[in-house]
C-alpha cells in the first residue's frame, strides 16, 4: 500500500473502510513508517547563497542553515573576476557563465542579493545595475526565490547595527561561520553577510 500523505490514522481508516483492531494496528504501523520516511527524506539544512553583484568583481558565498539548530556552516565562497581590461559585454558574459556553474555545483535553495547602494554616482549605479541584472538572470534560470537586501539591513542583521564598518561586518561574518579570519576580498565577505541575513528571514 503506497502512502502519499500526509494522512492521520483516522483518515486512512476512513479511506480504506478498515474497522478491525488488526487493520487499525496495520494502518498505525504504515502511518508510522510513512512519517519516518518523510523525516529521513526531509533536508537537514537549508542551503543559501548570497551574492554581492558587480561588473568587475562579484562576491558569492554559500552557507548551510541547520533545520533544527539554525547553526550556519560555510559550504563554499569565492569572487568572480573576469578581468577589468575586458569590454563590458565580455565581463558580463564571463560573470554569467561562472554564476551558472556555481549554482549548478552548489544547488542552493534560496538566494540573497545585495541592492545597489543609493550613494554611488550615476555611472557606477548603471554599471552595478548591469551586474545585478546578470545575477538575477542566473538566479531566475535556477528557479530560486531571491530576497533583495539593502546594505544597511544586511549590516543590521549581521552586527546589530546598520552603520557598522566593513571590518566589523567581516569580523562578525567570520565569527558566525566559525572561521579563524574573514574571507577575502571584501566582496566575498559582503556576499556571505547577505546569506547570513537571509538565514534570519527564512
Protein backbone atom coordinates (compact mmCIF):
# COMPACT_ATOMS: atom_id res chain seq x y z
CA UNK A 1 0.00 0.00 0.00
CA UNK A 2 1.54 3.31 -1.05
CA UNK A 3 1.06 6.37 1.13
CA UNK A 4 1.28 9.78 -0.48
CA UNK A 5 0.08 11.58 2.71
CA UNK A 6 0.34 13.21 4.99
CA UNK A 7 -2.66 11.40 6.48
CA UNK A 8 -3.83 10.81 10.02
CA UNK A 9 -4.71 7.31 11.16
CA UNK A 10 -8.42 8.16 11.08
CA UNK A 11 -8.02 9.42 7.51
CA UNK A 12 -6.53 6.10 6.47
CA UNK A 13 -9.25 4.12 8.19
CA UNK A 14 -11.94 6.23 6.53
CA UNK A 15 -10.36 5.78 3.09
CA UNK A 16 -9.94 2.01 3.40
CA UNK A 17 -13.08 1.29 5.41
CA UNK A 18 -11.00 -0.64 7.94
CA UNK A 19 -12.66 -1.20 11.28
CA UNK A 20 -10.96 -4.19 12.97
CA UNK A 21 -8.23 -3.94 15.57
CA UNK A 22 -5.79 -5.81 13.33
CA UNK A 23 -6.48 -3.43 10.46
CA UNK A 24 -6.07 -0.46 12.79
CA UNK A 25 -2.71 -1.82 14.02
CA UNK A 26 -1.55 -2.37 10.45
CA UNK A 27 -2.57 1.13 9.42
CA UNK A 28 -0.89 2.53 12.53
CA UNK A 29 2.34 0.81 11.50
CA UNK A 30 2.02 2.10 7.93
CA UNK A 31 1.42 5.64 9.15
CA UNK A 32 4.48 5.48 11.41
CA UNK A 33 6.58 4.10 8.56
CA UNK A 34 5.43 6.91 6.26
CA UNK A 35 6.23 9.54 8.89
CA UNK A 36 9.67 8.02 9.47
CA UNK A 37 10.36 8.01 5.74
CA UNK A 38 9.31 11.66 5.48
CA UNK A 39 11.69 12.61 8.31
CA UNK A 40 14.56 10.78 6.62
CA UNK A 41 13.88 12.49 3.30
CA UNK A 42 13.47 15.98 4.76
CA UNK A 43 16.51 18.22 4.21
CA UNK A 44 18.64 18.57 7.32
CA UNK A 45 19.79 22.01 6.23
CA UNK A 46 18.62 24.82 4.01
CA UNK A 47 21.29 25.95 1.56
CA UNK A 48 21.57 29.68 0.95
CA UNK A 49 23.63 31.72 -1.48
CA UNK A 50 24.48 35.39 -1.08
CA UNK A 51 25.72 37.47 -3.99
CA UNK A 52 27.43 40.86 -3.99
CA UNK A 53 26.89 41.87 -7.64
CA UNK A 54 29.13 43.98 -9.85
CA UNK A 55 30.71 44.14 -13.28
CA UNK A 56 34.36 43.80 -12.24
CA UNK A 57 34.12 41.69 -9.11
CA UNK A 58 31.23 39.51 -7.95
CA UNK A 59 31.42 38.06 -4.48
CA UNK A 60 29.45 34.93 -3.68
CA UNK A 61 29.07 32.70 -0.66
CA UNK A 62 27.07 29.56 0.09
CA UNK A 63 26.11 28.50 3.61
CA UNK A 64 24.01 25.72 5.09
CA UNK A 65 21.49 26.62 7.80
CA UNK A 66 20.71 23.67 10.08
CA UNK A 67 16.98 22.90 10.10
CA UNK A 68 16.91 22.37 13.87
CA UNK A 69 19.68 24.41 15.50
CA UNK A 70 19.81 27.21 12.89
CA UNK A 71 23.60 26.95 13.04
CA UNK A 72 25.41 28.17 9.93
CA UNK A 73 28.14 26.29 8.10
CA UNK A 74 30.24 27.65 5.26
CA UNK A 75 29.93 25.48 2.15
CA UNK A 76 31.94 27.43 -0.40
CA UNK A 77 32.71 31.02 -1.34
CA UNK A 78 34.69 33.00 -3.87
CA UNK A 79 34.99 36.03 -6.10
CA UNK A 80 34.34 36.13 -9.84
CA UNK A 81 36.82 38.42 -11.57
CA UNK A 82 36.50 38.26 -15.36
CA UNK A 83 39.23 40.85 -15.98
CA UNK A 84 38.93 44.62 -15.65
CA UNK A 85 40.50 45.24 -19.07
CA UNK A 86 37.85 43.27 -20.94
CA UNK A 87 34.96 45.07 -22.66
CA UNK A 88 31.81 45.26 -20.55
CA UNK A 89 29.87 42.71 -22.62
CA UNK A 90 32.71 40.19 -22.24
CA UNK A 91 32.87 40.73 -18.48
CA UNK A 92 29.12 40.26 -18.18
CA UNK A 93 29.24 37.05 -20.20
CA UNK A 94 32.06 35.73 -18.03
CA UNK A 95 30.16 36.57 -14.84
CA UNK A 96 27.01 34.89 -16.14
CA UNK A 97 28.84 31.72 -17.12
CA UNK A 98 30.61 31.48 -13.76
CA UNK A 99 27.42 32.05 -11.78
CA UNK A 100 25.69 29.33 -13.79
CA UNK A 101 28.47 26.89 -12.87
CA UNK A 102 28.40 27.87 -9.20
CA UNK A 103 24.62 27.46 -8.95
CA UNK A 104 24.77 24.09 -10.69
CA UNK A 105 27.53 22.83 -8.38
CA UNK A 106 26.19 24.13 -5.06
CA UNK A 107 22.41 23.87 -5.69
CA UNK A 108 21.15 26.40 -3.12
CA UNK A 109 17.51 26.59 -2.06
CA UNK A 110 17.26 30.37 -1.64
CA UNK A 111 19.30 33.40 -2.64
CA UNK A 112 20.04 36.88 -1.28
CA UNK A 113 21.21 39.72 -3.47
CA UNK A 114 22.65 42.98 -2.19
CA UNK A 115 20.85 46.04 -3.52
CA UNK A 116 22.64 48.96 -5.18
CA UNK A 117 23.88 51.49 -2.67
CA UNK A 118 21.97 54.74 -3.18
CA UNK A 119 25.04 56.91 -2.57
CA UNK A 120 27.04 55.82 -5.62
CA UNK A 121 27.33 58.11 -8.65
CA UNK A 122 25.16 57.62 -11.72
CA UNK A 123 27.82 55.91 -13.82
CA UNK A 124 28.62 53.43 -11.06
CA UNK A 125 24.91 52.84 -10.40
CA UNK A 126 24.32 51.97 -14.06
CA UNK A 127 27.27 49.56 -14.07
CA UNK A 128 26.04 47.92 -10.87
CA UNK A 129 22.62 47.62 -12.48
CA UNK A 130 24.16 45.55 -15.26
CA UNK A 131 25.77 43.29 -12.67
CA UNK A 132 22.52 42.91 -10.74
CA UNK A 133 20.69 42.03 -13.94
CA UNK A 134 23.15 39.26 -14.74
CA UNK A 135 22.91 37.88 -11.21
CA UNK A 136 19.10 37.99 -11.24
CA UNK A 137 19.00 36.23 -14.61
CA UNK A 138 21.24 33.43 -13.34
CA UNK A 139 19.15 33.01 -10.19
CA UNK A 140 15.92 33.03 -12.18
CA UNK A 141 17.24 30.32 -14.50
CA UNK A 142 17.98 28.25 -11.39
CA UNK A 143 14.35 28.76 -10.23
CA UNK A 144 15.48 30.34 -6.96
CA UNK A 145 13.48 32.68 -4.79
CA UNK A 146 15.52 35.85 -4.34
CA UNK A 147 15.48 38.26 -1.43
CA UNK A 148 16.97 41.65 -2.25
CA UNK A 149 18.51 43.35 0.78
CA UNK A 150 19.90 46.82 1.30
CA UNK A 151 23.48 47.11 2.59
CA UNK A 152 22.15 48.69 5.76
CA UNK A 153 19.71 45.86 6.51
CA UNK A 154 22.48 43.30 5.92
CA UNK A 155 24.76 45.10 8.37
CA UNK A 156 21.91 45.29 10.88
CA UNK A 157 21.29 41.55 10.62
CA UNK A 158 24.94 40.54 10.94
CA UNK A 159 26.23 43.04 13.51
CA UNK A 160 23.16 44.58 15.13
CA UNK A 161 23.97 48.00 13.65
CA UNK A 162 23.07 49.34 10.23
CA UNK A 163 26.01 51.72 10.43
CA UNK A 164 28.67 49.05 11.10
CA UNK A 165 32.02 49.36 9.35
CA UNK A 166 33.23 46.92 6.71
CA UNK A 167 35.77 45.49 9.15
CA UNK A 168 33.09 44.95 11.79
CA UNK A 169 30.89 43.12 9.29
CA UNK A 170 33.83 40.98 8.21
CA UNK A 171 34.73 40.00 11.77
CA UNK A 172 31.12 39.10 12.59
CA UNK A 173 30.81 37.02 9.42
CA UNK A 174 33.90 35.07 10.43
CA UNK A 175 32.59 34.62 13.99
CA UNK A 176 29.15 33.37 12.91
CA UNK A 177 30.63 30.91 10.42
CA UNK A 178 33.31 29.67 12.82
CA UNK A 179 36.20 30.92 10.69
CA UNK A 180 39.58 31.97 12.05
CA UNK A 181 39.62 35.03 9.81
CA UNK A 182 37.27 36.68 7.30
CA UNK A 183 37.45 35.54 3.67
CA UNK A 184 38.96 37.94 1.16
CA UNK A 185 38.38 40.07 -0.82
CA UNK A 186 35.63 42.07 0.89
CA UNK A 187 33.23 41.23 -1.97
CA UNK A 188 33.17 37.67 -0.62
CA UNK A 189 32.53 38.83 2.94
CA UNK A 190 29.69 41.05 1.74
CA UNK A 191 28.12 38.10 -0.09
CA UNK A 192 28.37 35.87 2.97
CA UNK A 193 26.86 38.64 5.08
CA UNK A 194 23.89 38.68 2.69
CA UNK A 195 23.50 34.91 3.09
CA UNK A 196 23.60 35.24 6.88
CA UNK A 197 20.96 37.98 6.75
CA UNK A 198 18.81 35.71 4.58
CA UNK A 199 19.10 32.89 7.13
CA UNK A 200 17.34 35.11 9.68
CA UNK A 201 14.38 35.62 7.33
CA UNK A 202 13.50 32.09 6.24
